[in-house]
């Protein structure tokens, strides 16, 4: 049950078009629905206002379908993350109206909303091409919340001129997510030249001493560029959520304390 649906239901009750008994039936599964193998938090979209997300690894296609069907009774948009192609194929056979975003490794159930007018731009940057799947997971979730996204891929420190050539584009963004493996140095560079929030995502890309993302994680945590937010290894979804929380805080300040500012696209 998202905020818009709940508000609509309350208005219908107030107008007499919906009986309290009928409304109670619609709300009977709050605060959660027990499917036996999963207890679904149906209050989450009321608290946060974003698409429902299902973590796919460890779940069968049948479990994902059951979860999604229940969530979609109260949520317009549901995203199943980290779905490999074999799992996606099984789900799509039973749920053909869904779509599979191969690069983001995500199943999307429902229509992605239009971009919110006046929303701040979020940059999604990668050090290398191998980091793109993590970045695409992040970008997908940002778009599912209606935020405009600028992508800038393969601009790592091995050829830093590629980043510097695109500084005018980057400066249009209010928040920047940087995905990097190997030595994990790119977020420090970006954090040193941009004045907005920077969210660093270590990826499990690199040779042996990268330790499947541990080395870039430690580099980012030890960044000499102050104030960088660091999320877990390969956690594009977590980076998107951090950006959304920052966006909400920033737009609330703009709305309550400052005159409206138009951001270029």
C-alpha atoms as a PDB file:
ATOM      1  CA  UNK A   1       0.000   0.000   0.000  1.00  0.00           C
ATOM      2  CA  UNK A   2       1.743   3.150  -1.174  1.00  0.00           C
ATOM      3  CA  UNK A   3       0.874   6.686  -0.049  1.00  0.00           C
ATOM      4  CA  UNK A   4      -1.157   7.578  -3.125  1.00  0.00           C
ATOM      5  CA  UNK A   5      -3.287   4.439  -2.919  1.00  0.00           C
ATOM      6  CA  UNK A   6      -3.881   4.859   0.805  1.00  0.00           C
ATOM      7  CA  UNK A   7      -4.841   8.520   0.385  1.00  0.00           C
ATOM      8  CA  UNK A   8      -7.231   7.604  -2.432  1.00  0.00           C
ATOM      9  CA  UNK A   9      -8.815   4.907  -0.258  1.00  0.00           C
ATOM     10  CA  UNK A  10      -9.283   7.332   2.651  1.00  0.00           C
ATOM     11  CA  UNK A  11     -10.904   9.887   0.334  1.00  0.00           C
ATOM     12  CA  UNK A  12     -13.267   7.213  -0.985  1.00  0.00           C
ATOM     13  CA  UNK A  13     -14.305   6.363   2.573  1.00  0.00           C
ATOM     14  CA  UNK A  14     -14.789  10.048   3.414  1.00  0.00           C
ATOM     15  CA  UNK A  15     -16.960  10.565   0.330  1.00  0.00           C
ATOM     16  CA  UNK A  16     -19.060   7.499   1.062  1.00  0.00           C
ATOM     17  CA  UNK A  17     -18.001   5.708  -2.120  1.00  0.00           C
ATOM     18  CA  UNK A  18     -16.144   3.053  -0.127  1.00  0.00           C
ATOM     19  CA  UNK A  19     -17.476   1.306   2.960  1.00  0.00           C
ATOM     20  CA  UNK A  20     -15.292   0.928   6.059  1.00  0.00           C
ATOM     21  CA  UNK A  21     -15.760  -2.843   5.782  1.00  0.00           C
ATOM     22  CA  UNK A  22     -14.469  -2.883   2.206  1.00  0.00           C
ATOM     23  CA  UNK A  23     -11.521  -0.675   3.170  1.00  0.00           C
ATOM     24  CA  UNK A  24     -10.710  -2.985   6.059  1.00  0.00           C
ATOM     25  CA  UNK A  25     -10.593  -5.907   3.640  1.00  0.00           C
ATOM     26  CA  UNK A  26      -8.080  -4.029   1.480  1.00  0.00           C
ATOM     27  CA  UNK A  27      -5.936  -3.224   4.517  1.00  0.00           C
ATOM     28  CA  UNK A  28      -6.170  -6.614   6.188  1.00  0.00           C
ATOM     29  CA  UNK A  29      -2.591  -7.624   5.328  1.00  0.00           C
ATOM     30  CA  UNK A  30      -1.028  -4.567   6.935  1.00  0.00           C
ATOM     31  CA  UNK A  31       1.549  -4.395   8.412  1.00  0.00           C
ATOM     32  CA  UNK A  32       2.822  -7.552   6.632  1.00  0.00           C
ATOM     33  CA  UNK A  33       1.642 -10.516   4.600  1.00  0.00           C
ATOM     34  CA  UNK A  34       2.702 -14.016   5.643  1.00  0.00           C
ATOM     35  CA  UNK A  35       3.314 -16.279   2.633  1.00  0.00           C
ATOM     36  CA  UNK A  36       4.727 -19.080   4.754  1.00  0.00           C
ATOM     37  CA  UNK A  37       8.223 -18.850   3.272  1.00  0.00           C
ATOM     38  CA  UNK A  38       8.322 -15.018   3.421  1.00  0.00           C
ATOM     39  CA  UNK A  39       6.815 -12.222   5.492  1.00  0.00           C
ATOM     40  CA  UNK A  40       6.356  -9.235   3.233  1.00  0.00           C
ATOM     41  CA  UNK A  41       6.631  -5.765   4.738  1.00  0.00           C
ATOM     42  CA  UNK A  42       3.700  -3.926   3.153  1.00  0.00           C
ATOM     43  CA  UNK A  43       4.360  -0.739   5.123  1.00  0.00           C
ATOM     44  CA  UNK A  44       7.747  -0.063   3.531  1.00  0.00           C
ATOM     45  CA  UNK A  45       6.462   1.945   0.582  1.00  0.00           C
ATOM     46  CA  UNK A  46       4.415   4.064   2.993  1.00  0.00           C
ATOM     47  CA  UNK A  47       7.552   4.837   4.994  1.00  0.00           C
ATOM     48  CA  UNK A  48       9.947   5.412   2.104  1.00  0.00           C
ATOM     49  CA  UNK A  49       7.829   5.917  -1.011  1.00  0.00           C
ATOM     50  CA  UNK A  50      10.013   3.908  -3.411  1.00  0.00           C
ATOM     51  CA  UNK A  51       9.558   0.794  -5.540  1.00  0.00           C
ATOM     52  CA  UNK A  52       9.470  -2.514  -3.706  1.00  0.00           C
ATOM     53  CA  UNK A  53      12.665  -4.526  -4.162  1.00  0.00           C
ATOM     54  CA  UNK A  54      13.151  -8.299  -4.016  1.00  0.00           C
ATOM     55  CA  UNK A  55      16.652  -9.775  -3.620  1.00  0.00           C
ATOM     56  CA  UNK A  56      16.652 -12.725  -6.034  1.00  0.00           C
ATOM     57  CA  UNK A  57      19.662 -14.911  -5.076  1.00  0.00           C
ATOM     58  CA  UNK A  58      18.617 -17.861  -2.932  1.00  0.00           C
ATOM     59  CA  UNK A  59      14.996 -17.684  -4.091  1.00  0.00           C
ATOM     60  CA  UNK A  60      13.312 -19.953  -6.603  1.00  0.00           C
ATOM     61  CA  UNK A  61      11.400 -18.596  -9.579  1.00  0.00           C
ATOM     62  CA  UNK A  62       8.178 -19.732  -7.909  1.00  0.00           C
ATOM     63  CA  UNK A  63       9.001 -17.854  -4.711  1.00  0.00           C
ATOM     64  CA  UNK A  64       9.830 -14.671  -6.627  1.00  0.00           C
ATOM     65  CA  UNK A  65       6.564 -14.888  -8.576  1.00  0.00           C
ATOM     66  CA  UNK A  66       4.519 -15.393  -5.385  1.00  0.00           C
ATOM     67  CA  UNK A  67       6.254 -12.483  -3.657  1.00  0.00           C
ATOM     68  CA  UNK A  68       5.838 -10.168  -6.637  1.00  0.00           C
ATOM     69  CA  UNK A  69       2.170 -11.045  -7.135  1.00  0.00           C
ATOM     70  CA  UNK A  70       1.446 -10.175  -3.515  1.00  0.00           C
ATOM     71  CA  UNK A  71       3.498  -6.983  -3.547  1.00  0.00           C
ATOM     72  CA  UNK A  72       1.855  -5.776  -6.736  1.00  0.00           C
ATOM     73  CA  UNK A  73      -1.542  -5.835  -5.039  1.00  0.00           C
ATOM     74  CA  UNK A  74      -0.402  -2.728  -3.189  1.00  0.00           C
ATOM     75  CA  UNK A  75       2.640  -1.460  -5.158  1.00  0.00           C
ATOM     76  CA  UNK A  76       2.674  -0.206  -8.736  1.00  0.00           C
ATOM     77  CA  UNK A  77       6.332  -1.107  -9.299  1.00  0.00           C
ATOM     78  CA  UNK A  78       8.403  -4.050  -8.026  1.00  0.00           C
ATOM     79  CA  UNK A  79      12.032  -4.785  -8.947  1.00  0.00           C
ATOM     80  CA  UNK A  80      13.770  -8.124  -8.406  1.00  0.00           C
ATOM     81  CA  UNK A  81      17.515  -7.494  -8.216  1.00  0.00           C
ATOM     82  CA  UNK A  82      20.466  -9.807  -8.948  1.00  0.00           C
ATOM     83  CA  UNK A  83      18.466 -12.122 -11.178  1.00  0.00           C
ATOM     84  CA  UNK A  84      20.630 -14.143 -13.552  1.00  0.00           C
ATOM     85  CA  UNK A  85      19.402 -14.939 -17.046  1.00  0.00           C
ATOM     86  CA  UNK A  86      18.344 -18.510 -16.225  1.00  0.00           C
ATOM     87  CA  UNK A  87      16.193 -17.367 -13.321  1.00  0.00           C
ATOM     88  CA  UNK A  88      14.787 -14.465 -15.341  1.00  0.00           C
ATOM     89  CA  UNK A  89      13.761 -16.814 -18.149  1.00  0.00           C
ATOM     90  CA  UNK A  90      11.760 -18.973 -15.727  1.00  0.00           C
ATOM     91  CA  UNK A  91      10.046 -15.968 -14.168  1.00  0.00           C
ATOM     92  CA  UNK A  92       9.174 -14.398 -17.516  1.00  0.00           C
ATOM     93  CA  UNK A  93       7.477 -17.592 -18.703  1.00  0.00           C
ATOM     94  CA  UNK A  94       5.019 -17.285 -15.819  1.00  0.00           C
ATOM     95  CA  UNK A  95       4.958 -13.477 -15.755  1.00  0.00           C
ATOM     96  CA  UNK A  96       5.398 -12.372 -19.402  1.00  0.00           C
ATOM     97  CA  UNK A  97       4.326  -8.770 -18.739  1.00  0.00           C
ATOM     98  CA  UNK A  98       7.544  -8.245 -16.743  1.00  0.00           C
ATOM     99  CA  UNK A  99      10.783  -7.227 -18.430  1.00  0.00           C
ATOM    100  CA  UNK A 100      14.388  -8.224 -17.839  1.00  0.00           C
ATOM    101  CA  UNK A 101      17.090  -5.556 -17.700  1.00  0.00           C
ATOM    102  CA  UNK A 102      20.089  -7.673 -18.630  1.00  0.00           C
ATOM    103  CA  UNK A 103      22.878  -5.213 -17.782  1.00  0.00           C
ATOM    104  CA  UNK A 104      21.301  -4.341 -14.436  1.00  0.00           C
ATOM    105  CA  UNK A 105      20.504  -8.031 -13.798  1.00  0.00           C
ATOM    106  CA  UNK A 106      17.015  -7.056 -12.685  1.00  0.00           C
ATOM    107  CA  UNK A 107      13.422  -8.072 -13.354  1.00  0.00           C
ATOM    108  CA  UNK A 108      11.017  -5.142 -13.495  1.00  0.00           C
ATOM    109  CA  UNK A 109       7.321  -5.586 -12.782  1.00  0.00           C
ATOM    110  CA  UNK A 110       5.282  -2.503 -13.626  1.00  0.00           C
ATOM    111  CA  UNK A 111       5.888   0.747 -15.437  1.00  0.00           C
ATOM    112  CA  UNK A 112       8.839   2.967 -14.555  1.00  0.00           C
ATOM    113  CA  UNK A 113       7.496   6.459 -13.721  1.00  0.00           C
ATOM    114  CA  UNK A 114       8.209   9.578 -15.696  1.00  0.00           C
ATOM    115  CA  UNK A 115      11.016  11.818 -14.477  1.00  0.00           C
ATOM    116  CA  UNK A 116       9.867  14.089 -11.661  1.00  0.00           C
ATOM    117  CA  UNK A 117       9.741  17.725 -12.708  1.00  0.00           C
ATOM    118  CA  UNK A 118      12.377  19.719 -10.839  1.00  0.00           C
ATOM    119  CA  UNK A 119      14.179  16.632  -9.490  1.00  0.00           C
ATOM    120  CA  UNK A 120      17.921  16.963  -9.016  1.00  0.00           C
ATOM    121  CA  UNK A 121      20.209  15.121 -11.423  1.00  0.00           C
ATOM    122  CA  UNK A 122      22.230  12.146 -10.193  1.00  0.00           C
ATOM    123  CA  UNK A 123      25.489  11.202 -11.923  1.00  0.00           C
ATOM    124  CA  UNK A 124      26.321   7.502 -12.187  1.00  0.00           C
ATOM    125  CA  UNK A 125      30.011   7.054 -13.034  1.00  0.00           C
ATOM    126  CA  UNK A 126      32.208   3.996 -13.540  1.00  0.00           C
ATOM    127  CA  UNK A 127      35.956   3.609 -13.546  1.00  0.00           C
ATOM    128  CA  UNK A 128      35.813   0.831 -16.126  1.00  0.00           C
ATOM    129  CA  UNK A 129      33.473  -1.038 -18.440  1.00  0.00           C
ATOM    130  CA  UNK A 130      33.496  -4.060 -16.117  1.00  0.00           C
ATOM    131  CA  UNK A 131      31.839  -1.907 -13.422  1.00  0.00           C
ATOM    132  CA  UNK A 132      28.798  -1.168 -15.604  1.00  0.00           C
ATOM    133  CA  UNK A 133      26.468  -3.915 -14.238  1.00  0.00           C
ATOM    134  CA  UNK A 134      26.707  -2.417 -10.736  1.00  0.00           C
ATOM    135  CA  UNK A 135      26.175   1.072 -12.130  1.00  0.00           C
ATOM    136  CA  UNK A 136      23.166  -0.077 -14.150  1.00  0.00           C
ATOM    137  CA  UNK A 137      21.563  -1.565 -11.033  1.00  0.00           C
ATOM    138  CA  UNK A 138      21.994   1.809  -9.371  1.00  0.00           C
ATOM    139  CA  UNK A 139      20.670   3.769 -12.353  1.00  0.00           C
ATOM    140  CA  UNK A 140      17.624   1.520 -12.710  1.00  0.00           C
ATOM    141  CA  UNK A 141      16.554   2.089  -9.140  1.00  0.00           C
ATOM    142  CA  UNK A 142      17.122   5.846  -9.383  1.00  0.00           C
ATOM    143  CA  UNK A 143      14.945   5.969 -12.504  1.00  0.00           C
ATOM    144  CA  UNK A 144      12.303   3.869 -10.760  1.00  0.00           C
ATOM    145  CA  UNK A 145      12.028   6.731  -8.252  1.00  0.00           C
ATOM    146  CA  UNK A 146      11.648   9.292 -11.028  1.00  0.00           C
ATOM    147  CA  UNK A 147      15.090  10.885 -10.790  1.00  0.00           C
ATOM    148  CA  UNK A 148      17.038  12.046 -13.874  1.00  0.00           C
ATOM    149  CA  UNK A 149      20.288  10.118 -14.316  1.00  0.00           C
ATOM    150  CA  UNK A 150      23.471  11.075 -16.188  1.00  0.00           C
ATOM    151  CA  UNK A 151      25.728   8.116 -17.005  1.00  0.00           C
ATOM    152  CA  UNK A 152      29.459   8.484 -17.537  1.00  0.00           C
ATOM    153  CA  UNK A 153      31.202   5.143 -17.977  1.00  0.00           C
ATOM    154  CA  UNK A 154      34.851   4.068 -18.306  1.00  0.00           C
ATOM    155  CA  UNK A 155      36.538   7.239 -17.032  1.00  0.00           C
ATOM    156  CA  UNK A 156      38.924   5.734 -14.472  1.00  0.00           C
ATOM    157  CA  UNK A 157      42.281   6.995 -13.247  1.00  0.00           C
ATOM    158  CA  UNK A 158      44.212   4.942 -15.812  1.00  0.00           C
ATOM    159  CA  UNK A 159      43.182   7.680 -18.232  1.00  0.00           C
ATOM    160  CA  UNK A 160      42.030  10.545 -16.043  1.00  0.00           C
ATOM    161  CA  UNK A 161      41.694  12.913 -19.024  1.00  0.00           C
ATOM    162  CA  UNK A 162      38.515  10.998 -19.908  1.00  0.00           C
ATOM    163  CA  UNK A 163      36.963  12.216 -16.663  1.00  0.00           C
ATOM    164  CA  UNK A 164      38.308  15.755 -16.900  1.00  0.00           C
ATOM    165  CA  UNK A 165      36.944  16.139 -20.431  1.00  0.00           C
ATOM    166  CA  UNK A 166      33.455  15.597 -18.995  1.00  0.00           C
ATOM    167  CA  UNK A 167      33.593  17.905 -15.977  1.00  0.00           C
ATOM    168  CA  UNK A 168      30.929  20.296 -17.360  1.00  0.00           C
ATOM    169  CA  UNK A 169      28.518  17.350 -17.578  1.00  0.00           C
ATOM    170  CA  UNK A 170      29.383  16.085 -14.105  1.00  0.00           C
ATOM    171  CA  UNK A 171      28.865  19.523 -12.577  1.00  0.00           C
ATOM    172  CA  UNK A 172      25.233  19.479 -13.701  1.00  0.00           C
ATOM    173  CA  UNK A 173      24.623  16.629 -11.251  1.00  0.00           C
ATOM    174  CA  UNK A 174      23.723  17.342  -7.633  1.00  0.00           C
ATOM    175  CA  UNK A 175      24.739  13.874  -6.389  1.00  0.00           C
ATOM    176  CA  UNK A 176      27.356  11.536  -7.859  1.00  0.00           C
ATOM    177  CA  UNK A 177      27.627   7.760  -7.533  1.00  0.00           C
ATOM    178  CA  UNK A 178      31.039   6.336  -8.470  1.00  0.00           C
ATOM    179  CA  UNK A 179      31.514   2.600  -9.088  1.00  0.00           C
ATOM    180  CA  UNK A 180      35.111   1.363  -9.183  1.00  0.00           C
ATOM    181  CA  UNK A 181      37.097  -1.814  -8.703  1.00  0.00           C
ATOM    182  CA  UNK A 182      40.851  -2.433  -8.956  1.00  0.00           C
ATOM    183  CA  UNK A 183      42.465   0.218  -6.690  1.00  0.00           C
ATOM    184  CA  UNK A 184      39.177   2.061  -6.083  1.00  0.00           C
ATOM    185  CA  UNK A 185      40.788   5.475  -6.580  1.00  0.00           C
ATOM    186  CA  UNK A 186      38.184   7.190  -8.758  1.00  0.00           C
ATOM    187  CA  UNK A 187      35.776   8.274  -5.961  1.00  0.00           C
ATOM    188  CA  UNK A 188      38.621  10.168  -4.276  1.00  0.00           C
ATOM    189  CA  UNK A 189      39.355  12.047  -7.488  1.00  0.00           C
ATOM    190  CA  UNK A 190      35.680  12.846  -8.065  1.00  0.00           C
ATOM    191  CA  UNK A 191      35.242  13.834  -4.419  1.00  0.00           C
ATOM    192  CA  UNK A 192      38.143  16.248  -4.756  1.00  0.00           C
ATOM    193  CA  UNK A 193      36.724  18.125  -7.749  1.00  0.00           C
ATOM    194  CA  UNK A 194      32.942  18.159  -7.170  1.00  0.00           C
ATOM    195  CA  UNK A 195      31.181  20.012  -4.377  1.00  0.00           C
ATOM    196  CA  UNK A 196      28.107  17.761  -4.101  1.00  0.00           C
ATOM    197  CA  UNK A 197      27.682  14.454  -2.240  1.00  0.00           C
ATOM    198  CA  UNK A 198      29.709  11.523  -3.604  1.00  0.00           C
ATOM    199  CA  UNK A 199      28.695   7.914  -3.005  1.00  0.00           C
ATOM    200  CA  UNK A 200      31.427   5.334  -3.612  1.00  0.00           C
ATOM    201  CA  UNK A 201      30.623   1.769  -4.667  1.00  0.00           C
ATOM    202  CA  UNK A 202      33.503  -0.735  -4.584  1.00  0.00           C
ATOM    203  CA  UNK A 203      33.091  -3.467  -7.189  1.00  0.00           C
ATOM    204  CA  UNK A 204      34.447  -7.001  -7.221  1.00  0.00           C
ATOM    205  CA  UNK A 205      36.504  -6.201 -10.324  1.00  0.00           C
ATOM    206  CA  UNK A 206      40.269  -6.685 -10.287  1.00  0.00           C
ATOM    207  CA  UNK A 207      43.154  -9.081 -10.044  1.00  0.00           C
ATOM    208  CA  UNK A 208      44.022 -11.279  -7.065  1.00  0.00           C
ATOM    209  CA  UNK A 209      45.124  -8.568  -4.648  1.00  0.00           C
ATOM    210  CA  UNK A 210      41.811  -6.753  -5.171  1.00  0.00           C
ATOM    211  CA  UNK A 211      40.309  -9.580  -3.057  1.00  0.00           C
ATOM    212  CA  UNK A 212      36.970  -9.461  -4.898  1.00  0.00           C
ATOM    213  CA  UNK A 213      36.308  -5.853  -3.950  1.00  0.00           C
ATOM    214  CA  UNK A 214      37.893  -5.676  -0.500  1.00  0.00           C
ATOM    215  CA  UNK A 215      40.887  -3.617  -1.701  1.00  0.00           C
ATOM    216  CA  UNK A 216      38.769  -0.905  -3.379  1.00  0.00           C
ATOM    217  CA  UNK A 217      36.434  -0.908  -0.371  1.00  0.00           C
ATOM    218  CA  UNK A 218      39.339  -0.132   1.962  1.00  0.00           C
ATOM    219  CA  UNK A 219      40.694   2.494  -0.443  1.00  0.00           C
ATOM    220  CA  UNK A 220      37.341   4.253  -0.471  1.00  0.00           C
ATOM    221  CA  UNK A 221      36.993   4.102   3.305  1.00  0.00           C
ATOM    222  CA  UNK A 222      40.473   5.637   3.569  1.00  0.00           C
ATOM    223  CA  UNK A 223      39.819   8.311   0.948  1.00  0.00           C
ATOM    224  CA  UNK A 224      41.605  11.615   1.490  1.00  0.00           C
ATOM    225  CA  UNK A 225      38.613  13.405  -0.083  1.00  0.00           C
ATOM    226  CA  UNK A 226      36.492  14.213   2.958  1.00  0.00           C
ATOM    227  CA  UNK A 227      32.867  13.247   3.337  1.00  0.00           C
ATOM    228  CA  UNK A 228      32.555  10.428   0.805  1.00  0.00           C
ATOM    229  CA  UNK A 229      29.797   7.914   1.549  1.00  0.00           C
ATOM    230  CA  UNK A 230      30.846   4.290   0.980  1.00  0.00           C
ATOM    231  CA  UNK A 231      28.449   1.382   0.478  1.00  0.00           C
ATOM    232  CA  UNK A 232      29.080  -2.347   0.350  1.00  0.00           C
ATOM    233  CA  UNK A 233      30.838  -4.230  -2.443  1.00  0.00           C
ATOM    234  CA  UNK A 234      28.794  -4.347  -5.687  1.00  0.00           C
ATOM    235  CA  UNK A 235      25.873  -2.666  -3.909  1.00  0.00           C
ATOM    236  CA  UNK A 236      24.427  -0.500  -6.667  1.00  0.00           C
ATOM    237  CA  UNK A 237      21.006  -0.709  -5.063  1.00  0.00           C
ATOM    238  CA  UNK A 238      22.359   0.563  -1.738  1.00  0.00           C
ATOM    239  CA  UNK A 239      24.099   3.447  -3.482  1.00  0.00           C
ATOM    240  CA  UNK A 240      20.853   4.408  -5.212  1.00  0.00           C
ATOM    241  CA  UNK A 241      18.988   4.343  -1.914  1.00  0.00           C
ATOM    242  CA  UNK A 242      21.629   6.554  -0.298  1.00  0.00           C
ATOM    243  CA  UNK A 243      21.311   8.991  -3.220  1.00  0.00           C
ATOM    244  CA  UNK A 244      17.509   9.037  -2.853  1.00  0.00           C
ATOM    245  CA  UNK A 245      17.736   9.849   0.854  1.00  0.00           C
ATOM    246  CA  UNK A 246      20.208  12.647   0.090  1.00  0.00           C
ATOM    247  CA  UNK A 247      17.969  13.909  -2.696  1.00  0.00           C
ATOM    248  CA  UNK A 248      14.986  14.058  -0.350  1.00  0.00           C
ATOM    249  CA  UNK A 249      16.972  15.961   2.259  1.00  0.00           C
ATOM    250  CA  UNK A 250      18.351  18.394  -0.323  1.00  0.00           C
ATOM    251  CA  UNK A 251      15.001  19.069  -1.990  1.00  0.00           C
ATOM    252  CA  UNK A 252      13.309  19.552   1.385  1.00  0.00           C
ATOM    253  CA  UNK A 253      15.896  22.228   2.225  1.00  0.00           C
ATOM    254  CA  UNK A 254      15.339  23.832  -1.174  1.00  0.00           C
ATOM    255  CA  UNK A 255      11.591  23.724  -0.727  1.00  0.00           C
ATOM    256  CA  UNK A 256      11.527  25.069   2.822  1.00  0.00           C
ATOM    257  CA  UNK A 257      14.418  27.519   2.973  1.00  0.00           C
ATOM    258  CA  UNK A 258      15.486  28.605  -0.517  1.00  0.00           C
ATOM    259  CA  UNK A 259      13.934  29.911  -3.725  1.00  0.00           C
ATOM    260  CA  UNK A 260      13.357  27.329  -6.448  1.00  0.00           C
ATOM    261  CA  UNK A 261      16.411  26.547  -8.585  1.00  0.00           C
ATOM    262  CA  UNK A 262      16.194  25.064 -12.075  1.00  0.00           C
ATOM    263  CA  UNK A 263      18.750  22.337 -12.794  1.00  0.00           C
ATOM    264  CA  UNK A 264      19.850  21.787 -16.409  1.00  0.00           C
ATOM    265  CA  UNK A 265      19.373  18.433 -18.089  1.00  0.00           C
END
